């Protein structure tokens, strides 16, 4: 049995997921950025982050201006903590 938590809109906004969308290309297309990303997250985490990048992108820039951050979203607490680490990583990345 898998336990998931429903996160409300305010908690999703607090993640600052737009930072990941804005910085993704800059980090992932440079050798230094990719190496730092690979050092900060293991393979399983990187796969999950890649999936959530697509979700974040859809929220902010998807069809016709993005769907917006939802009012509710289900994910495990472990995943939410990973997304917090991810947003912190991309938000503090220095070129």
N, C-alpha and C. Protein backbone atom coordinates (compact mmCIF):
# COMPACT_ATOMS: atom_id res chain seq x y z
N UNK A 1 0.84 -1.17 0.00
CA UNK A 1 0.00 0.00 0.00
C UNK A 1 0.89 1.24 0.00
N UNK A 2 0.54 2.20 -0.84
CA UNK A 2 1.30 3.44 -0.95
C UNK A 2 0.49 4.58 -0.34
N UNK A 3 1.14 5.35 0.50
CA UNK A 3 0.47 6.47 1.13
C UNK A 3 0.90 7.74 0.40
N UNK A 4 -0.07 8.53 0.00
CA UNK A 4 0.22 9.81 -0.64
C UNK A 4 -0.43 10.92 0.18
N UNK A 5 0.10 12.09 0.04
CA UNK A 5 -0.42 13.25 0.73
C UNK A 5 -0.95 14.22 -0.31
N UNK A 6 -2.04 14.86 0.00
CA UNK A 6 -2.59 15.87 -0.90
C UNK A 6 -2.03 17.22 -0.46
N UNK A 7 -1.30 17.87 -1.35
CA UNK A 7 -0.73 19.18 -1.06
C UNK A 7 -1.62 20.25 -1.66
N UNK A 8 -1.88 21.27 -0.89
CA UNK A 8 -2.73 22.37 -1.31
C UNK A 8 -1.94 23.37 -2.15
N UNK A 9 -2.65 24.27 -2.78
CA UNK A 9 -2.08 25.25 -3.68
C UNK A 9 -0.94 26.06 -3.03
N UNK A 10 -1.13 26.52 -1.81
CA UNK A 10 -0.12 27.33 -1.13
C UNK A 10 1.19 26.57 -0.94
N UNK A 11 1.09 25.27 -0.64
CA UNK A 11 2.29 24.45 -0.46
C UNK A 11 3.01 24.24 -1.79
N UNK A 12 2.25 24.15 -2.87
CA UNK A 12 2.85 23.98 -4.19
C UNK A 12 3.50 25.28 -4.67
N UNK A 13 2.88 26.40 -4.36
CA UNK A 13 3.47 27.70 -4.71
C UNK A 13 4.77 27.89 -3.95
N UNK A 14 4.81 27.45 -2.69
CA UNK A 14 6.00 27.61 -1.85
C UNK A 14 7.21 26.84 -2.41
N UNK A 15 6.96 25.84 -3.23
CA UNK A 15 8.07 25.10 -3.84
C UNK A 15 8.89 25.98 -4.78
N UNK A 16 8.28 26.99 -5.35
CA UNK A 16 8.95 27.85 -6.35
C UNK A 16 9.38 27.03 -7.56
N UNK A 17 8.45 26.25 -8.09
CA UNK A 17 8.77 25.36 -9.21
C UNK A 17 9.14 26.10 -10.48
N UNK A 18 8.76 27.36 -10.60
CA UNK A 18 9.13 28.14 -11.79
C UNK A 18 10.64 28.26 -11.93
N UNK A 19 11.35 28.24 -10.81
CA UNK A 19 12.81 28.32 -10.83
C UNK A 19 13.40 27.13 -11.58
N UNK A 20 12.84 25.96 -11.36
CA UNK A 20 13.32 24.76 -12.05
C UNK A 20 13.10 24.91 -13.55
N UNK A 21 11.92 25.38 -13.94
CA UNK A 21 11.61 25.53 -15.37
C UNK A 21 12.54 26.56 -16.01
N UNK A 22 12.77 27.67 -15.32
CA UNK A 22 13.60 28.74 -15.87
C UNK A 22 15.07 28.33 -15.98
N UNK A 23 15.57 27.58 -15.03
CA UNK A 23 17.00 27.24 -14.99
C UNK A 23 17.34 25.91 -15.65
N UNK A 24 16.35 25.10 -15.99
CA UNK A 24 16.59 23.73 -16.48
C UNK A 24 17.58 23.70 -17.64
N UNK A 25 17.32 24.47 -18.67
CA UNK A 25 18.17 24.43 -19.87
C UNK A 25 19.59 24.89 -19.54
N UNK A 26 19.71 25.92 -18.73
CA UNK A 26 21.03 26.44 -18.39
C UNK A 26 21.85 25.39 -17.63
N UNK A 27 21.22 24.67 -16.74
CA UNK A 27 21.93 23.66 -15.95
C UNK A 27 22.18 22.40 -16.77
N UNK A 28 21.17 21.92 -17.47
CA UNK A 28 21.25 20.61 -18.10
C UNK A 28 22.01 20.60 -19.43
N UNK A 29 22.24 21.76 -20.04
CA UNK A 29 22.95 21.77 -21.32
C UNK A 29 24.42 22.16 -21.18
N UNK A 30 24.87 22.37 -19.97
CA UNK A 30 26.29 22.67 -19.77
C UNK A 30 26.94 21.50 -19.04
N UNK A 31 28.18 21.23 -19.37
CA UNK A 31 28.88 20.12 -18.73
C UNK A 31 29.00 20.30 -17.23
N UNK A 32 29.34 21.51 -16.80
CA UNK A 32 29.47 21.77 -15.36
C UNK A 32 28.14 21.61 -14.65
N UNK A 33 27.08 22.15 -15.25
CA UNK A 33 25.75 22.05 -14.65
C UNK A 33 25.29 20.61 -14.52
N UNK A 34 25.48 19.85 -15.58
CA UNK A 34 25.07 18.44 -15.55
C UNK A 34 25.86 17.66 -14.51
N UNK A 35 27.16 17.92 -14.40
CA UNK A 35 27.98 17.21 -13.40
C UNK A 35 27.53 17.57 -11.99
N UNK A 36 27.24 18.82 -11.73
CA UNK A 36 26.76 19.23 -10.41
C UNK A 36 25.41 18.58 -10.11
N UNK A 37 24.54 18.52 -11.11
CA UNK A 37 23.23 17.89 -10.96
C UNK A 37 23.39 16.41 -10.64
N UNK A 38 24.27 15.73 -11.37
CA UNK A 38 24.49 14.30 -11.14
C UNK A 38 25.13 14.04 -9.79
N UNK A 39 25.95 14.98 -9.30
CA UNK A 39 26.57 14.82 -7.99
C UNK A 39 25.56 15.06 -6.86
N UNK A 40 24.60 15.93 -7.11
CA UNK A 40 23.64 16.29 -6.06
C UNK A 40 22.51 15.27 -5.90
N UNK A 41 22.19 14.53 -6.98
CA UNK A 41 21.04 13.62 -6.97
C UNK A 41 21.45 12.26 -7.53
N UNK A 42 20.93 11.19 -6.93
CA UNK A 42 21.22 9.86 -7.45
C UNK A 42 20.35 9.58 -8.69
N UNK A 43 20.59 8.45 -9.34
CA UNK A 43 19.91 8.15 -10.61
C UNK A 43 18.40 8.09 -10.45
N UNK A 44 17.93 7.44 -9.40
CA UNK A 44 16.48 7.34 -9.15
C UNK A 44 15.86 8.72 -8.97
N UNK A 45 16.55 9.58 -8.22
CA UNK A 45 16.05 10.94 -7.99
C UNK A 45 16.04 11.73 -9.29
N UNK A 46 17.07 11.59 -10.11
CA UNK A 46 17.14 12.32 -11.38
C UNK A 46 16.00 11.93 -12.30
N UNK A 47 15.64 10.66 -12.32
CA UNK A 47 14.52 10.20 -13.15
C UNK A 47 13.22 10.85 -12.67
N UNK A 48 13.01 10.87 -11.37
CA UNK A 48 11.80 11.47 -10.79
C UNK A 48 11.77 12.97 -11.06
N UNK A 49 12.93 13.62 -10.92
CA UNK A 49 13.01 15.07 -11.17
C UNK A 49 12.68 15.38 -12.62
N UNK A 50 13.18 14.56 -13.54
CA UNK A 50 12.88 14.77 -14.96
C UNK A 50 11.38 14.72 -15.21
N UNK A 51 10.71 13.78 -14.58
CA UNK A 51 9.25 13.68 -14.73
C UNK A 51 8.54 14.89 -14.16
N UNK A 52 9.01 15.36 -13.02
CA UNK A 52 8.38 16.53 -12.41
C UNK A 52 8.72 17.81 -13.17
N UNK A 53 9.87 17.86 -13.83
CA UNK A 53 10.17 19.02 -14.67
C UNK A 53 9.09 19.18 -15.73
N UNK A 54 8.69 18.07 -16.34
CA UNK A 54 7.64 18.12 -17.36
C UNK A 54 6.33 18.62 -16.76
N UNK A 55 6.02 18.19 -15.55
CA UNK A 55 4.82 18.65 -14.86
C UNK A 55 4.91 20.14 -14.56
N UNK A 56 6.04 20.58 -14.01
CA UNK A 56 6.24 22.00 -13.71
C UNK A 56 6.13 22.85 -14.97
N UNK A 57 6.73 22.36 -16.06
CA UNK A 57 6.68 23.09 -17.32
C UNK A 57 5.23 23.26 -17.76
N UNK A 58 4.45 22.20 -17.66
CA UNK A 58 3.05 22.25 -18.06
C UNK A 58 2.29 23.26 -17.20
N UNK A 59 2.59 23.30 -15.90
CA UNK A 59 1.93 24.24 -15.00
C UNK A 59 2.22 25.68 -15.42
N UNK A 60 3.45 25.97 -15.83
CA UNK A 60 3.85 27.35 -16.08
C UNK A 60 3.78 27.78 -17.54
N UNK A 61 4.07 26.87 -18.49
CA UNK A 61 4.16 27.27 -19.89
C UNK A 61 3.43 26.33 -20.84
N UNK A 62 2.62 25.47 -20.32
CA UNK A 62 1.93 24.49 -21.18
C UNK A 62 1.02 25.17 -22.19
N UNK A 63 0.13 24.44 -22.79
CA UNK A 63 -0.76 24.94 -23.83
C UNK A 63 -1.44 26.23 -23.37
N UNK A 64 -1.43 27.20 -24.22
CA UNK A 64 -2.10 28.49 -24.02
C UNK A 64 -1.77 29.08 -22.65
N UNK A 65 -0.49 29.31 -22.41
CA UNK A 65 -0.08 30.02 -21.20
C UNK A 65 0.02 29.18 -19.95
N UNK A 66 -0.03 27.88 -20.07
CA UNK A 66 0.12 27.02 -18.90
C UNK A 66 -1.21 26.75 -18.22
N UNK A 67 -1.24 25.66 -17.50
CA UNK A 67 -2.47 25.28 -16.81
C UNK A 67 -2.55 25.93 -15.44
N UNK A 68 -1.44 26.49 -14.98
CA UNK A 68 -1.41 27.08 -13.65
C UNK A 68 -1.12 26.02 -12.60
N UNK A 69 -0.64 26.47 -11.48
CA UNK A 69 -0.38 25.55 -10.37
C UNK A 69 -1.73 25.07 -9.86
N UNK A 70 -1.92 23.78 -9.74
CA UNK A 70 -3.23 23.27 -9.35
C UNK A 70 -3.59 23.61 -7.90
N UNK A 71 -4.86 23.51 -7.60
CA UNK A 71 -5.33 23.76 -6.24
C UNK A 71 -4.94 22.62 -5.30
N UNK A 72 -4.83 21.42 -5.86
CA UNK A 72 -4.43 20.23 -5.08
C UNK A 72 -3.59 19.33 -5.97
N UNK A 73 -2.60 18.67 -5.34
CA UNK A 73 -1.76 17.73 -6.08
C UNK A 73 -1.32 16.64 -5.11
N UNK A 74 -1.40 15.39 -5.55
CA UNK A 74 -1.02 14.27 -4.70
C UNK A 74 0.43 13.86 -4.97
N UNK A 75 1.19 13.70 -3.89
CA UNK A 75 2.54 13.14 -3.98
C UNK A 75 2.92 12.70 -2.57
N UNK A 76 3.91 11.84 -2.49
CA UNK A 76 4.37 11.40 -1.18
C UNK A 76 5.19 12.51 -0.53
N UNK A 77 5.32 12.44 0.76
CA UNK A 77 6.13 13.42 1.48
C UNK A 77 7.58 13.33 1.04
N UNK A 78 8.04 12.12 0.77
CA UNK A 78 9.41 11.92 0.28
C UNK A 78 9.62 12.67 -1.04
N UNK A 79 8.65 12.58 -1.93
CA UNK A 79 8.75 13.27 -3.21
C UNK A 79 8.70 14.78 -3.01
N UNK A 80 7.86 15.26 -2.11
CA UNK A 80 7.78 16.69 -1.84
C UNK A 80 9.12 17.21 -1.32
N UNK A 81 9.75 16.45 -0.44
CA UNK A 81 11.07 16.86 0.08
C UNK A 81 12.11 16.86 -1.05
N UNK A 82 12.02 15.88 -1.96
CA UNK A 82 12.92 15.86 -3.11
C UNK A 82 12.69 17.09 -3.98
N UNK A 83 11.45 17.47 -4.19
CA UNK A 83 11.15 18.66 -4.99
C UNK A 83 11.66 19.93 -4.30
N UNK A 84 11.61 19.97 -2.97
CA UNK A 84 12.19 21.10 -2.24
C UNK A 84 13.69 21.18 -2.49
N UNK A 85 14.38 20.03 -2.40
CA UNK A 85 15.83 20.00 -2.68
C UNK A 85 16.12 20.41 -4.11
N UNK A 86 15.28 19.94 -5.04
CA UNK A 86 15.46 20.26 -6.45
C UNK A 86 15.32 21.77 -6.69
N UNK A 87 14.27 22.36 -6.14
CA UNK A 87 14.05 23.80 -6.32
C UNK A 87 15.18 24.59 -5.67
N UNK A 88 15.68 24.13 -4.54
CA UNK A 88 16.81 24.80 -3.90
C UNK A 88 18.05 24.70 -4.78
N UNK A 89 18.30 23.52 -5.33
CA UNK A 89 19.46 23.32 -6.21
C UNK A 89 19.41 24.27 -7.41
N UNK A 90 18.28 24.29 -8.11
CA UNK A 90 18.18 25.13 -9.29
C UNK A 90 18.15 26.60 -8.92
N UNK A 91 17.57 26.93 -7.77
CA UNK A 91 17.49 28.33 -7.36
C UNK A 91 18.82 28.91 -6.91
N UNK A 92 19.72 28.07 -6.45
CA UNK A 92 21.02 28.57 -5.97
C UNK A 92 22.15 28.24 -6.93
N UNK A 93 21.84 27.66 -8.10
CA UNK A 93 22.88 27.30 -9.07
C UNK A 93 23.55 28.56 -9.58
N UNK A 94 24.87 28.55 -9.59
CA UNK A 94 25.65 29.67 -10.11
C UNK A 94 26.33 29.26 -11.40
N UNK A 95 26.24 30.10 -12.37
CA UNK A 95 26.83 29.81 -13.69
C UNK A 95 28.32 29.89 -13.62
